[in-house]
C-alpha cells in the first residue's frame, strides 16, 4: 500500500470535501481517502499495483475540482516524474521540476466556478473578497430603491427604466457573478451524491431571485431583490472570512515546505554548476560552503564541518561531519566546506517525509470530526425537507401568500447552514497540527491530537528539551585575590578564536570584557590549553592538567568537588602557577521550562524527567524546574521500556523529546 497527499483545489465547504471523499473511496484499489477542506488536499491510501496517481487525479477532476498532482515541498521533484540515470547528466535540461499548480494553469471547471484552477489559497481569498465587494456595492442601491429604502428618496432610475426593471438590472449584477461559485459547488455536490452548504445557498438565493424575476416580467407579485442581495452579502462575507482563516491555518505547513533551499551547487563534468534543488539526482556530488543550506540528504565524501541539525533533531549544538557521515537536507552548514554524494532526493528526503507526516495528520479525522461530518450531512437533508414542508404548510395548509411562504422557506434554508459545525473540527485540527509543526511537534494523526488532552503524565527528555542543549557558564568561583571578571577575561583571552563548545560558552559569558593579547598558545589534547598573557603563563583546563603542572589549588578544592558533584563541568583557571578561579559549565534549563512545568501541574498533569545523564546532573535540573519524578542513567534503548512501565501502571503517558533518538 502507498500513501500520497494530492491537491484538491476549489473546495467550497466541508461537505464538498465529503463528496470527493466518497468518489475517491469508490475507486478500485483505494483503501482509504480523507479530504481536508481547510488544507485543500486529500490523503489517499491505495494499492499502486491496481491504480496509479493519474487515475486518482482523473477522479478528482471528474468530481469537478482541480488537482495538479501530489503535494510536495517547494524545490522537490514530483514523485511520478520518470527517473533519470544518475550519470546521464546530458538530460538535465529536460527533467521536470516539481510543479505546484502554476498560476497559468487552469481547467475549464475551475474557471467556471470563478477560481483559477491553479489558484493558491491567497488568490482564492482575494477572489472571494472581490465577489463580496461587487455584491455589497450593488446591494446598496438595490436597498435604497426598494420599499425598505423609501425614506432615502432615491433619484429616478436611469435609461427610462421603471423601478422594477432597474432593481432587476442591479440585482442581476449583485447576484449572478458573486454567487456563481455556490451554483457550481451545488452542481458538483449533487453530482457526487452529497447535499452541502452550497445547495442551501442556491435554494435560498436562487429561489428568491427567480421569484422576483417572475414577479417583474411574468406575473403580478411583490419583488424582494433587496432581501436576496443583502442575504448574499452576508453569505459572501462569512465565506471570505472563513477562507482567510483557512489560509492562515495553512501558514505553518507552507513555512515547513519552504525550508529546502531553491538552488544547489553540484559537480557536472568536473565543473561546479548551480541547478534547482528539484534537479539534483541520486549520486550527484553536491558542493557545500559555510552558511549554505544542504539541499538533499547524502553522505560526506571529503571535507569536515559543523552542521546545525536542529530542524530535524532539536539539538541546538552543531554536529561535526566528516567523510562517511550522513547529512540531511534543509539543515545548515555552519563552518567549513565539504562535498557529499546525494543519496536521497525528491520525495525520499527527510524533509519531504516530515512534511508528508504533518499533511497526513492534518488530513486525518478525529473521532469528533467523523461525528460532525455525519451530523452536517444529515442536517442539510433535514433543512431541505423542513424548508419544503414549511412552504407546503404555509402556502397550501394555512393559505398564506406566496411571498410569505417563500420568505419563510428561504429563512429555513439559510439559518440551517451547517458549515460552522463541519468547519470547527477540521479547523481546530489544522491549526493545532500546524502550530505544533512550527514549534517542532509533529502529530501522527488527529486522534493523537485528541488523545493529548487526556494525558495523566508527560515524560520529558532532558537534554535539548528541558535544557538549552548547549553548554553555558552557570557559575564562576574566584579565589580571594581575584575577581569573576578577571577570571572570565583571562579564560576568554586564551580561548580567542576557538570553536570548541566549552570555549564558545566562556566567550559568550565574557562578552564585553577587555581581552589582552596573548602569545605562545598551545592546545593540550584532552586536558586544556596554555598561553602567555602579560608575561605570565595561563593554564585553562581540567584537574589533571592542574596536577601535572603542580598548580597550587589551596582554597578552591572543596568548591571544585561541589560543582563536579552537581553534574557540572569545571574549568580550572591558573595564572602564574596559582589557581585563581573555577568556571562551572553545564547545560542550563530553558528560560520557559519552569513556567511550562508549573502550568502542566496546574492542569493536573504529572511531569517526569527521563535522561541518560547521571543522577546528580538530572536532580540538579529537576530541582531548578520543580520536577519531582526523575528517571536517570537510562540508555537510549531503555527509554521505550521506561515509558511502557508507566503505561502498565494504568497511566495515560505522553513522551516529549527533541530528537530522533526519542522517537521510539
Foldseek 3Di string as FASTA:
>chain_A
DDKFKWAWPLDQFLLLQVLLQVQLCPDPFWPGKFAQSLQRMIITDGDCVRDHQVVSQVSSVVLLTAIPTTDFFALFADVVFDADDQQPVVCLVVGDTHDQLDPVAADPSCVQLQHGRSDDLVSVLVSLVVLLVQLVVLLVVLCCLAPNNVVVVDDQDPPPDHSLVSSLVSLCRNDPVSLSNLVSSCVSQVVSVFHALSNLLCLQLVVLSVVSVCCSPPHPDGHPSSVSSVLSSVVSVVSSVSSVLSVVLCVLLNVLSHLADQWWWWADPNDTDIDGLNSNHAFTKTKDAAFDFAHAKWFFAAKKFWKQPCLFFLQRGTDIHGGGDIDAGSIHTHHIITITGHHDGGCRGPSNVLSRQLVQQLSFAAPLLVVLNVVQRVLLVVLLVVLVVQLCCVCVVVVHDNVVSSVSSSVSSVVSRSRVSNVVRSSVSSNVQSVCSSVPHHDRHPNSVVCVLVFQAEEEEPASTQFVNAKAFDDKFFDPVDDRLVQLQALLLLLPPPPPRVNVRSCVVNPPRDHFHWDDWDADPPFFIWIAGPNKIKTKGDPVVLVVLVADAPPCPVVVVVLVLLVWDWIFIDIRRYTGMITTMDGGGDPCQLVVCVVCVVVNHAYEYEYLDDPNPQVNRCVVNVHDHYHYNADLVCPVVVQVVVVVVVGRYHYDRSGPSRVD
